[in-house]
Amino acid sequence: MTIEQQSPVSVFGTVAELLTELVGDADVLGIEITPDTTFHEDLQLESIDLVTFASILAEHFGADVNLAEFLAEKDLDDVIGLRVGDIADYVAARLGERG
């Protein structure tokens, strides 16, 4: 299966794995990463962490997955409330456009 053929559930799993590489083991943090897990409140990530995560996503999925571009379209409250599922949905949509 190519990256473009991944199901939304598979994309979420990959996004969660990549996020775990950034923040460390979710079990150690005491957090289960779900689609509703928030970057700011639950994972305590700062904006620089999102920049790093954007690079990780682009490296794994390709330059079409441009998290900075996605975030630029959001207002501050949306960025603060950003959930892992929002990112997974964005990635799945970008991959679907490619495939």
PDB file of N, CA and C in Angstrom:
ATOM      1  N   MET A   1       0.846  -1.175   0.000  1.00  0.00           N
ATOM      2  CA  MET A   1       0.000   0.000   0.000  1.00  0.00           C
ATOM      3  C   MET A   1       0.893   1.240   0.000  1.00  0.00           C
ATOM      4  N   THR A   2       0.603   2.154  -0.909  1.00  0.00           N
ATOM      5  CA  THR A   2       1.371   3.393  -0.945  1.00  0.00           C
ATOM      6  C   THR A   2       0.816   4.357   0.094  1.00  0.00           C
ATOM      7  N   ILE A   3       1.566   5.399   0.352  1.00  0.00           N
ATOM      8  CA  ILE A   3       1.107   6.413   1.307  1.00  0.00           C
ATOM      9  C   ILE A   3      -0.235   6.979   0.869  1.00  0.00           C
ATOM     10  N   GLU A   4      -0.403   7.204  -0.435  1.00  0.00           N
ATOM     11  CA  GLU A   4      -1.632   7.791  -0.952  1.00  0.00           C
ATOM     12  C   GLU A   4      -2.845   6.892  -0.746  1.00  0.00           C
ATOM     13  N   GLN A   5      -2.640   5.590  -0.572  1.00  0.00           N
ATOM     14  CA  GLN A   5      -3.739   4.639  -0.442  1.00  0.00           C
ATOM     15  C   GLN A   5      -4.118   4.366   1.016  1.00  0.00           C
ATOM     16  N   GLN A   6      -3.510   5.048   1.952  1.00  0.00           N
ATOM     17  CA  GLN A   6      -3.809   4.810   3.359  1.00  0.00           C
ATOM     18  C   GLN A   6      -5.224   5.270   3.685  1.00  0.00           C
ATOM     19  N   SER A   7      -5.920   4.486   4.501  1.00  0.00           N
ATOM     20  CA  SER A   7      -7.247   4.874   4.972  1.00  0.00           C
ATOM     21  C   SER A   7      -7.094   5.979   6.015  1.00  0.00           C
ATOM     22  N   PRO A   8      -8.181   6.730   6.276  1.00  0.00           N
ATOM     23  CA  PRO A   8      -8.102   7.757   7.324  1.00  0.00           C
ATOM     24  C   PRO A   8      -7.665   7.197   8.679  1.00  0.00           C
ATOM     25  N   VAL A   9      -8.101   5.981   9.012  1.00  0.00           N
ATOM     26  CA  VAL A   9      -7.696   5.364  10.285  1.00  0.00           C
ATOM     27  C   VAL A   9      -6.199   5.085  10.277  1.00  0.00           C
ATOM     28  N   SER A  10      -5.702   4.599   9.157  1.00  0.00           N
ATOM     29  CA  SER A  10      -4.271   4.328   9.023  1.00  0.00           C
ATOM     30  C   SER A  10      -3.463   5.621   9.090  1.00  0.00           C
ATOM     31  N   VAL A  11      -3.978   6.671   8.452  1.00  0.00           N
ATOM     32  CA  VAL A  11      -3.295   7.975   8.498  1.00  0.00           C
ATOM     33  C   VAL A  11      -3.238   8.465   9.938  1.00  0.00           C
ATOM     34  N   PHE A  12      -4.350   8.346  10.672  1.00  0.00           N
ATOM     35  CA  PHE A  12      -4.341   8.763  12.074  1.00  0.00           C
ATOM     36  C   PHE A  12      -3.280   7.999  12.855  1.00  0.00           C
ATOM     37  N   GLY A  13      -3.203   6.684  12.651  1.00  0.00           N
ATOM     38  CA  GLY A  13      -2.202   5.877  13.348  1.00  0.00           C
ATOM     39  C   GLY A  13      -0.791   6.336  13.055  1.00  0.00           C
ATOM     40  N   THR A  14      -0.532   6.665  11.797  1.00  0.00           N
ATOM     41  CA  THR A  14       0.797   7.144  11.414  1.00  0.00           C
ATOM     42  C   THR A  14       1.079   8.501  12.035  1.00  0.00           C
ATOM     43  N   VAL A  15       0.094   9.401  11.998  1.00  0.00           N
ATOM     44  CA  VAL A  15       0.262  10.727  12.605  1.00  0.00           C
ATOM     45  C   VAL A  15       0.524  10.580  14.104  1.00  0.00           C
ATOM     46  N   ALA A  16      -0.205   9.699  14.761  1.00  0.00           N
ATOM     47  CA  ALA A  16      -0.005   9.477  16.199  1.00  0.00           C
ATOM     48  C   ALA A  16       1.390   8.928  16.483  1.00  0.00           C
ATOM     49  N   GLU A  17       1.868   8.006  15.639  1.00  0.00           N
ATOM     50  CA  GLU A  17       3.228   7.471  15.809  1.00  0.00           C
ATOM     51  C   GLU A  17       4.272   8.571  15.659  1.00  0.00           C
ATOM     52  N   LEU A  18       4.108   9.397  14.630  1.00  0.00           N
ATOM     53  CA  LEU A  18       5.064  10.487  14.403  1.00  0.00           C
ATOM     54  C   LEU A  18       5.018  11.486  15.549  1.00  0.00           C
ATOM     55  N   LEU A  19       3.840  11.729  16.072  1.00  0.00           N
ATOM     56  CA  LEU A  19       3.695  12.642  17.204  1.00  0.00           C
ATOM     57  C   LEU A  19       4.364  12.070  18.446  1.00  0.00           C
ATOM     58  N   THR A  20       4.249  10.765  18.642  1.00  0.00           N
ATOM     59  CA  THR A  20       4.903  10.111  19.777  1.00  0.00           C
ATOM     60  C   THR A  20       6.418  10.273  19.686  1.00  0.00           C
ATOM     61  N   GLU A  21       6.954  10.229  18.468  1.00  0.00           N
ATOM     62  CA  GLU A  21       8.394  10.461  18.293  1.00  0.00           C
ATOM     63  C   GLU A  21       8.777  11.862  18.760  1.00  0.00           C
ATOM     64  N   LEU A  22       7.879  12.818  18.564  1.00  0.00           N
ATOM     65  CA  LEU A  22       8.159  14.200  18.962  1.00  0.00           C
ATOM     66  C   LEU A  22       8.032  14.399  20.470  1.00  0.00           C
ATOM     67  N   VAL A  23       6.937  13.906  21.053  1.00  0.00           N
ATOM     68  CA  VAL A  23       6.660  14.198  22.464  1.00  0.00           C
ATOM     69  C   VAL A  23       7.149  13.128  23.419  1.00  0.00           C
ATOM     70  N   GLY A  24       7.518  11.983  22.900  1.00  0.00           N
ATOM     71  CA  GLY A  24       7.906  10.877  23.759  1.00  0.00           C
ATOM     72  C   GLY A  24       6.744   9.914  23.902  1.00  0.00           C
ATOM     73  N   ASP A  25       6.958   8.848  24.592  1.00  0.00           N
ATOM     74  CA  ASP A  25       5.959   7.802  24.756  1.00  0.00           C
ATOM     75  C   ASP A  25       4.722   8.353  25.465  1.00  0.00           C
ATOM     76  N   ALA A  26       3.579   8.232  24.822  1.00  0.00           N
ATOM     77  CA  ALA A  26       2.339   8.747  25.395  1.00  0.00           C
ATOM     78  C   ALA A  26       2.002   8.055  26.710  1.00  0.00           C
ATOM     79  N   ASP A  27       2.362   6.778  26.844  1.00  0.00           N
ATOM     80  CA  ASP A  27       2.105   6.071  28.102  1.00  0.00           C
ATOM     81  C   ASP A  27       2.885   6.705  29.245  1.00  0.00           C
ATOM     82  N   VAL A  28       4.117   7.116  28.953  1.00  0.00           N
ATOM     83  CA  VAL A  28       4.940   7.774  29.966  1.00  0.00           C
ATOM     84  C   VAL A  28       4.324   9.123  30.334  1.00  0.00           C
ATOM     85  N   LEU A  29       3.761   9.804  29.335  1.00  0.00           N
ATOM     86  CA  LEU A  29       3.116  11.090  29.584  1.00  0.00           C
ATOM     87  C   LEU A  29       1.776  10.922  30.286  1.00  0.00           C
ATOM     88  N   GLY A  30       1.269   9.694  30.296  1.00  0.00           N
ATOM     89  CA  GLY A  30      -0.026   9.444  30.909  1.00  0.00           C
ATOM     90  C   GLY A  30      -1.184   9.870  30.028  1.00  0.00           C
ATOM     91  N   ILE A  31      -0.950   9.929  28.720  1.00  0.00           N
ATOM     92  CA  ILE A  31      -1.964  10.385  27.779  1.00  0.00           C
ATOM     93  C   ILE A  31      -2.113   9.356  26.670  1.00  0.00           C
ATOM     94  N   GLU A  32      -3.344   9.021  26.362  1.00  0.00           N
ATOM     95  CA  GLU A  32      -3.618   8.204  25.184  1.00  0.00           C
ATOM     96  C   GLU A  32      -3.886   9.172  24.035  1.00  0.00           C
ATOM     97  N   ILE A  33      -3.143   9.031  22.954  1.00  0.00           N
ATOM     98  CA  ILE A  33      -3.346   9.917  21.814  1.00  0.00           C
ATOM     99  C   ILE A  33      -4.543   9.408  21.021  1.00  0.00           C
ATOM    100  N   THR A  34      -5.582  10.229  21.000  1.00  0.00           N
ATOM    101  CA  THR A  34      -6.812   9.934  20.269  1.00  0.00           C
ATOM    102  C   THR A  34      -7.055  11.082  19.290  1.00  0.00           C
ATOM    103  N   PRO A  35      -8.050  10.947  18.420  1.00  0.00           N
ATOM    104  CA  PRO A  35      -8.350  12.069  17.525  1.00  0.00           C
ATOM    105  C   PRO A  35      -8.715  13.353  18.272  1.00  0.00           C
ATOM    106  N   ASP A  36      -9.224  13.229  19.498  1.00  0.00           N
ATOM    107  CA  ASP A  36      -9.619  14.413  20.262  1.00  0.00           C
ATOM    108  C   ASP A  36      -8.512  14.983  21.148  1.00  0.00           C
ATOM    109  N   THR A  37      -7.350  14.365  21.159  1.00  0.00           N
ATOM    110  CA  THR A  37      -6.224  14.874  21.943  1.00  0.00           C
ATOM    111  C   THR A  37      -5.798  16.225  21.374  1.00  0.00           C
ATOM    112  N   THR A  38      -5.693  17.218  22.251  1.00  0.00           N
ATOM    113  CA  THR A  38      -5.292  18.556  21.794  1.00  0.00           C
ATOM    114  C   THR A  38      -3.786  18.737  21.938  1.00  0.00           C
ATOM    115  N   PHE A  39      -3.245  19.504  21.022  1.00  0.00           N
ATOM    116  CA  PHE A  39      -1.808  19.761  21.040  1.00  0.00           C
ATOM    117  C   PHE A  39      -1.428  20.669  22.206  1.00  0.00           C
ATOM    118  N   HIS A  40      -2.228  21.691  22.446  1.00  0.00           N
ATOM    119  CA  HIS A  40      -1.866  22.681  23.463  1.00  0.00           C
ATOM    120  C   HIS A  40      -2.201  22.195  24.875  1.00  0.00           C
ATOM    121  N   GLU A  41      -3.467  21.865  25.101  1.00  0.00           N
ATOM    122  CA  GLU A  41      -3.891  21.526  26.460  1.00  0.00           C
ATOM    123  C   GLU A  41      -3.435  20.135  26.901  1.00  0.00           C
ATOM    124  N   ASP A  42      -3.650  19.128  26.060  1.00  0.00           N
ATOM    125  CA  ASP A  42      -3.331  17.753  26.461  1.00  0.00           C
ATOM    126  C   ASP A  42      -1.842  17.436  26.366  1.00  0.00           C
ATOM    127  N   LEU A  43      -1.230  17.815  25.241  1.00  0.00           N
ATOM    128  CA  LEU A  43       0.180  17.470  25.017  1.00  0.00           C
ATOM    129  C   LEU A  43       1.144  18.575  25.441  1.00  0.00           C
ATOM    130  N   GLN A  44       0.603  19.748  25.775  1.00  0.00           N
ATOM    131  CA  GLN A  44       1.417  20.877  26.240  1.00  0.00           C
ATOM    132  C   GLN A  44       2.471  21.303  25.209  1.00  0.00           C
ATOM    133  N   LEU A  45       2.111  21.228  23.924  1.00  0.00           N
ATOM    134  CA  LEU A  45       3.059  21.616  22.880  1.00  0.00           C
ATOM    135  C   LEU A  45       2.993  23.112  22.631  1.00  0.00           C
ATOM    136  N   GLU A  46       4.121  23.684  22.335  1.00  0.00           N
ATOM    137  CA  GLU A  46       4.240  25.100  22.004  1.00  0.00           C
ATOM    138  C   GLU A  46       4.304  25.250  20.492  1.00  0.00           C
ATOM    139  N   SER A  47       4.268  26.478  20.018  1.00  0.00           N
ATOM    140  CA  SER A  47       4.277  26.720  18.574  1.00  0.00           C
ATOM    141  C   SER A  47       5.536  26.164  17.913  1.00  0.00           C
ATOM    142  N   ILE A  48       6.673  26.220  18.586  1.00  0.00           N
ATOM    143  CA  ILE A  48       7.908  25.684  18.004  1.00  0.00           C
ATOM    144  C   ILE A  48       7.792  24.169  17.810  1.00  0.00           C
ATOM    145  N   ASP A  49       7.044  23.508  18.692  1.00  0.00           N
ATOM    146  CA  ASP A  49       6.821  22.069  18.541  1.00  0.00           C
ATOM    147  C   ASP A  49       5.989  21.775  17.293  1.00  0.00           C
ATOM    148  N   LEU A  50       5.028  22.652  16.992  1.00  0.00           N
ATOM    149  CA  LEU A  50       4.227  22.472  15.780  1.00  0.00           C
ATOM    150  C   LEU A  50       5.079  22.667  14.536  1.00  0.00           C
ATOM    151  N   VAL A  51       6.037  23.584  14.597  1.00  0.00           N
ATOM    152  CA  VAL A  51       6.961  23.781  13.474  1.00  0.00           C
ATOM    153  C   VAL A  51       7.785  22.513  13.267  1.00  0.00           C
ATOM    154  N   THR A  52       8.279  21.954  14.351  1.00  0.00           N
ATOM    155  CA  THR A  52       9.043  20.705  14.267  1.00  0.00           C
ATOM    156  C   THR A  52       8.169  19.579  13.731  1.00  0.00           C
ATOM    157  N   PHE A  53       6.932  19.501  14.215  1.00  0.00           N
ATOM    158  CA  PHE A  53       6.021  18.454  13.754  1.00  0.00           C
ATOM    159  C   PHE A  53       5.698  18.626  12.271  1.00  0.00           C
ATOM    160  N   ALA A  54       5.600  19.866  11.818  1.00  0.00           N
ATOM    161  CA  ALA A  54       5.368  20.126  10.391  1.00  0.00           C
ATOM    162  C   ALA A  54       6.492  19.530   9.554  1.00  0.00           C
ATOM    163  N   SER A  55       7.715  19.680  10.014  1.00  0.00           N
ATOM    164  CA  SER A  55       8.863  19.109   9.297  1.00  0.00           C
ATOM    165  C   SER A  55       8.811  17.587   9.289  1.00  0.00           C
ATOM    166  N   ILE A  56       8.430  17.007  10.412  1.00  0.00           N
ATOM    167  CA  ILE A  56       8.325  15.550  10.516  1.00  0.00           C
ATOM    168  C   ILE A  56       7.258  15.029   9.548  1.00  0.00           C
ATOM    169  N   LEU A  57       6.109  15.702   9.502  1.00  0.00           N
ATOM    170  CA  LEU A  57       5.034  15.281   8.602  1.00  0.00           C
ATOM    171  C   LEU A  57       5.457  15.386   7.143  1.00  0.00           C
ATOM    172  N   ALA A  58       6.090  16.508   6.783  1.00  0.00           N
ATOM    173  CA  ALA A  58       6.526  16.700   5.394  1.00  0.00           C
ATOM    174  C   ALA A  58       7.574  15.668   5.000  1.00  0.00           C
ATOM    175  N   GLU A  59       8.458  15.346   5.927  1.00  0.00           N
ATOM    176  CA  GLU A  59       9.488  14.348   5.642  1.00  0.00           C
ATOM    177  C   GLU A  59       8.863  12.968   5.407  1.00  0.00           C
ATOM    178  N   HIS A  60       7.851  12.648   6.190  1.00  0.00           N
ATOM    179  CA  HIS A  60       7.223  11.328   6.073  1.00  0.00           C
ATOM    180  C   HIS A  60       6.253  11.242   4.886  1.00  0.00           C
ATOM    181  N   PHE A  61       5.385  12.242   4.744  1.00  0.00           N
ATOM    182  CA  PHE A  61       4.318  12.181   3.745  1.00  0.00           C
ATOM    183  C   PHE A  61       4.640  12.923   2.447  1.00  0.00           C
ATOM    184  N   GLY A  62       5.636  13.792   2.479  1.00  0.00           N
ATOM    185  CA  GLY A  62       5.973  14.573   1.292  1.00  0.00           C
ATOM    186  C   GLY A  62       5.596  16.038   1.469  1.00  0.00           C
ATOM    187  N   ALA A  63       6.131  16.861   0.598  1.00  0.00           N
ATOM    188  CA  ALA A  63       5.971  18.312   0.710  1.00  0.00           C
ATOM    189  C   ALA A  63       4.530  18.777   0.523  1.00  0.00           C
ATOM    190  N   ASP A  64       3.672  17.943  -0.085  1.00  0.00           N
ATOM    191  CA  ASP A  64       2.258  18.314  -0.246  1.00  0.00           C
ATOM    192  C   ASP A  64       1.566  18.480   1.102  1.00  0.00           C
ATOM    193  N   VAL A  65       2.072  17.810   2.107  1.00  0.00           N
ATOM    194  CA  VAL A  65       1.513  17.928   3.451  1.00  0.00           C
ATOM    195  C   VAL A  65       2.251  19.079   4.133  1.00  0.00           C
ATOM    196  N   ASN A  66       1.674  20.269   3.975  1.00  0.00           N
ATOM    197  CA  ASN A  66       2.300  21.502   4.441  1.00  0.00           C
ATOM    198  C   ASN A  66       1.518  22.025   5.647  1.00  0.00           C
ATOM    199  N   LEU A  67       1.927  21.609   6.832  1.00  0.00           N
ATOM    200  CA  LEU A  67       1.221  21.983   8.054  1.00  0.00           C
ATOM    201  C   LEU A  67       1.253  23.488   8.285  1.00  0.00           C
ATOM    202  N   ALA A  68       2.342  24.138   7.933  1.00  0.00           N
ATOM    203  CA  ALA A  68       2.427  25.593   8.116  1.00  0.00           C
ATOM    204  C   ALA A  68       1.350  26.296   7.295  1.00  0.00           C
ATOM    205  N   GLU A  69       1.147  25.839   6.078  1.00  0.00           N
ATOM    206  CA  GLU A  69       0.106  26.411   5.218  1.00  0.00           C
ATOM    207  C   GLU A  69      -1.280  26.163   5.824  1.00  0.00           C
ATOM    208  N   PHE A  70      -1.497  24.959   6.322  1.00  0.00           N
ATOM    209  CA  PHE A  70      -2.763  24.604   6.966  1.00  0.00           C
ATOM    210  C   PHE A  70      -3.017  25.501   8.182  1.00  0.00           C
ATOM    211  N   LEU A  71      -2.004  25.696   9.002  1.00  0.00           N
ATOM    212  CA  LEU A  71      -2.155  26.508  10.211  1.00  0.00           C
ATOM    213  C   LEU A  71      -2.328  27.983   9.901  1.00  0.00           C
ATOM    214  N   ALA A  72      -1.731  28.450   8.802  1.00  0.00           N
ATOM    215  CA  ALA A  72      -1.828  29.865   8.430  1.00  0.00           C
ATOM    216  C   ALA A  72      -3.273  30.269   8.144  1.00  0.00           C
ATOM    217  N   GLU A  73      -4.104  29.307   7.783  1.00  0.00           N
ATOM    218  CA  GLU A  73      -5.509  29.579   7.488  1.00  0.00           C
ATOM    219  C   GLU A  73      -6.374  29.596   8.745  1.00  0.00           C
ATOM    220  N   LYS A  74      -5.799  29.288   9.884  1.00  0.00           N
ATOM    221  CA  LYS A  74      -6.540  29.203  11.145  1.00  0.00           C
ATOM    222  C   LYS A  74      -6.354  30.478  11.962  1.00  0.00           C
ATOM    223  N   ASP A  75      -7.372  30.813  12.767  1.00  0.00           N
ATOM    224  CA  ASP A  75      -7.166  31.911  13.704  1.00  0.00           C
ATOM    225  C   ASP A  75      -6.528  31.346  14.976  1.00  0.00           C
ATOM    226  N   LEU A  76      -6.114  32.212  15.866  1.00  0.00           N
ATOM    227  CA  LEU A  76      -5.365  31.804  17.054  1.00  0.00           C
ATOM    228  C   LEU A  76      -6.130  30.790  17.903  1.00  0.00           C
ATOM    229  N   ASP A  77      -7.435  31.013  18.100  1.00  0.00           N
ATOM    230  CA  ASP A  77      -8.223  30.082  18.912  1.00  0.00           C
ATOM    231  C   ASP A  77      -8.271  28.690  18.284  1.00  0.00           C
ATOM    232  N   ASP A  78      -8.341  28.645  16.944  1.00  0.00           N
ATOM    233  CA  ASP A  78      -8.347  27.347  16.259  1.00  0.00           C
ATOM    234  C   ASP A  78      -7.019  26.624  16.438  1.00  0.00           C
ATOM    235  N   VAL A  79      -5.925  27.369  16.384  1.00  0.00           N
ATOM    236  CA  VAL A  79      -4.604  26.759  16.565  1.00  0.00           C
ATOM    237  C   VAL A  79      -4.461  26.251  17.997  1.00  0.00           C
ATOM    238  N   ILE A  80      -4.913  27.030  18.954  1.00  0.00           N
ATOM    239  CA  ILE A  80      -4.833  26.614  20.356  1.00  0.00           C
ATOM    240  C   ILE A  80      -5.673  25.362  20.594  1.00  0.00           C
ATOM    241  N   GLY A  81      -6.820  25.257  19.942  1.00  0.00           N
ATOM    242  CA  GLY A  81      -7.705  24.113  20.118  1.00  0.00           C
ATOM    243  C   GLY A  81      -7.443  22.962  19.160  1.00  0.00           C
ATOM    244  N   LEU A  82      -6.356  23.040  18.410  1.00  0.00           N
ATOM    245  CA  LEU A  82      -6.045  22.036  17.395  1.00  0.00           C
ATOM    246  C   LEU A  82      -5.946  20.635  17.998  1.00  0.00           C
ATOM    247  N   ARG A  83      -6.623  19.691  17.357  1.00  0.00           N
ATOM    248  CA  ARG A  83      -6.637  18.304  17.816  1.00  0.00           C
ATOM    249  C   ARG A  83      -5.820  17.433  16.872  1.00  0.00           C
ATOM    250  N   VAL A  84      -5.371  16.308  17.357  1.00  0.00           N
ATOM    251  CA  VAL A  84      -4.617  15.368  16.528  1.00  0.00           C
ATOM    252  C   VAL A  84      -5.484  14.914  15.351  1.00  0.00           C
ATOM    253  N   GLY A  85      -6.763  14.721  15.583  1.00  0.00           N
ATOM    254  CA  GLY A  85      -7.674  14.330  14.511  1.00  0.00           C
ATOM    255  C   GLY A  85      -7.759  15.365  13.401  1.00  0.00           C
ATOM    256  N   ASP A  86      -7.645  16.653  13.759  1.00  0.00           N
ATOM    257  CA  ASP A  86      -7.657  17.713  12.742  1.00  0.00           C
ATOM    258  C   ASP A  86      -6.472  17.556  11.798  1.00  0.00           C
ATOM    259  N   ILE A  87      -5.316  17.267  12.369  1.00  0.00           N
ATOM    260  CA  ILE A  87      -4.106  17.086  11.556  1.00  0.00           C
ATOM    261  C   ILE A  87      -4.229  15.819  10.712  1.00  0.00           C
ATOM    262  N   ALA A  88      -4.725  14.742  11.307  1.00  0.00           N
ATOM    263  CA  ALA A  88      -4.886  13.489  10.563  1.00  0.00           C
ATOM    264  C   ALA A  88      -5.862  13.675   9.402  1.00  0.00           C
ATOM    265  N   ASP A  89      -6.953  14.408   9.637  1.00  0.00           N
ATOM    266  CA  ASP A  89      -7.920  14.673   8.564  1.00  0.00           C
ATOM    267  C   ASP A  89      -7.277  15.487   7.449  1.00  0.00           C
ATOM    268  N   TYR A  90      -6.493  16.490   7.828  1.00  0.00           N
ATOM    269  CA  TYR A  90      -5.796  17.312   6.833  1.00  0.00           C
ATOM    270  C   TYR A  90      -4.841  16.452   6.002  1.00  0.00           C
ATOM    271  N   VAL A  91      -4.050  15.626   6.672  1.00  0.00           N
ATOM    272  CA  VAL A  91      -3.091  14.766   5.964  1.00  0.00           C
ATOM    273  C   VAL A  91      -3.836  13.820   5.025  1.00  0.00           C
ATOM    274  N   ALA A  92      -4.908  13.194   5.506  1.00  0.00           N
ATOM    275  CA  ALA A  92      -5.678  12.263   4.669  1.00  0.00           C
ATOM    276  C   ALA A  92      -6.238  12.975   3.443  1.00  0.00           C
ATOM    277  N   ALA A  93      -6.719  14.199   3.622  1.00  0.00           N
ATOM    278  CA  ALA A  93      -7.257  14.966   2.493  1.00  0.00           C
ATOM    279  C   ALA A  93      -6.168  15.274   1.474  1.00  0.00           C
ATOM    280  N   ARG A  94      -5.002  15.685   1.956  1.00  0.00           N
ATOM    281  CA  ARG A  94      -3.889  15.993   1.039  1.00  0.00           C
ATOM    282  C   ARG A  94      -3.439  14.743   0.292  1.00  0.00           C
ATOM    283  N   LEU A  95      -3.375  13.624   0.982  1.00  0.00           N
ATOM    284  CA  LEU A  95      -2.984  12.373   0.328  1.00  0.00           C
ATOM    285  C   LEU A  95      -4.034  11.945  -0.691  1.00  0.00           C
ATOM    286  N   GLY A  96      -5.305  12.166  -0.366  1.00  0.00           N
ATOM    287  CA  GLY A  96      -6.383  11.833  -1.290  1.00  0.00           C
ATOM    288  C   GLY A  96      -6.321  12.656  -2.563  1.00  0.00           C
ATOM    289  N   GLU A  97      -5.898  13.916  -2.439  1.00  0.00           N
ATOM    290  CA  GLU A  97      -5.745  14.779  -3.613  1.00  0.00           C
ATOM    291  C   GLU A  97      -4.632  14.274  -4.514  1.00  0.00           C
ATOM    292  N   ARG A  98      -3.626  13.681  -3.902  1.00  0.00           N
ATOM    293  CA  ARG A  98      -2.485  13.144  -4.649  1.00  0.00           C
ATOM    294  C   ARG A  98      -2.831  11.852  -5.365  1.00  0.00           C
ATOM    295  N   GLY A  99      -3.598  11.001  -4.653  1.00  0.00           N
ATOM    296  CA  GLY A  99      -3.847   9.645  -5.118  1.00  0.00           C
ATOM    297  C   GLY A  99      -4.873   9.569  -6.182  1.00  0.00           C
TER     298      GLY A  99
END
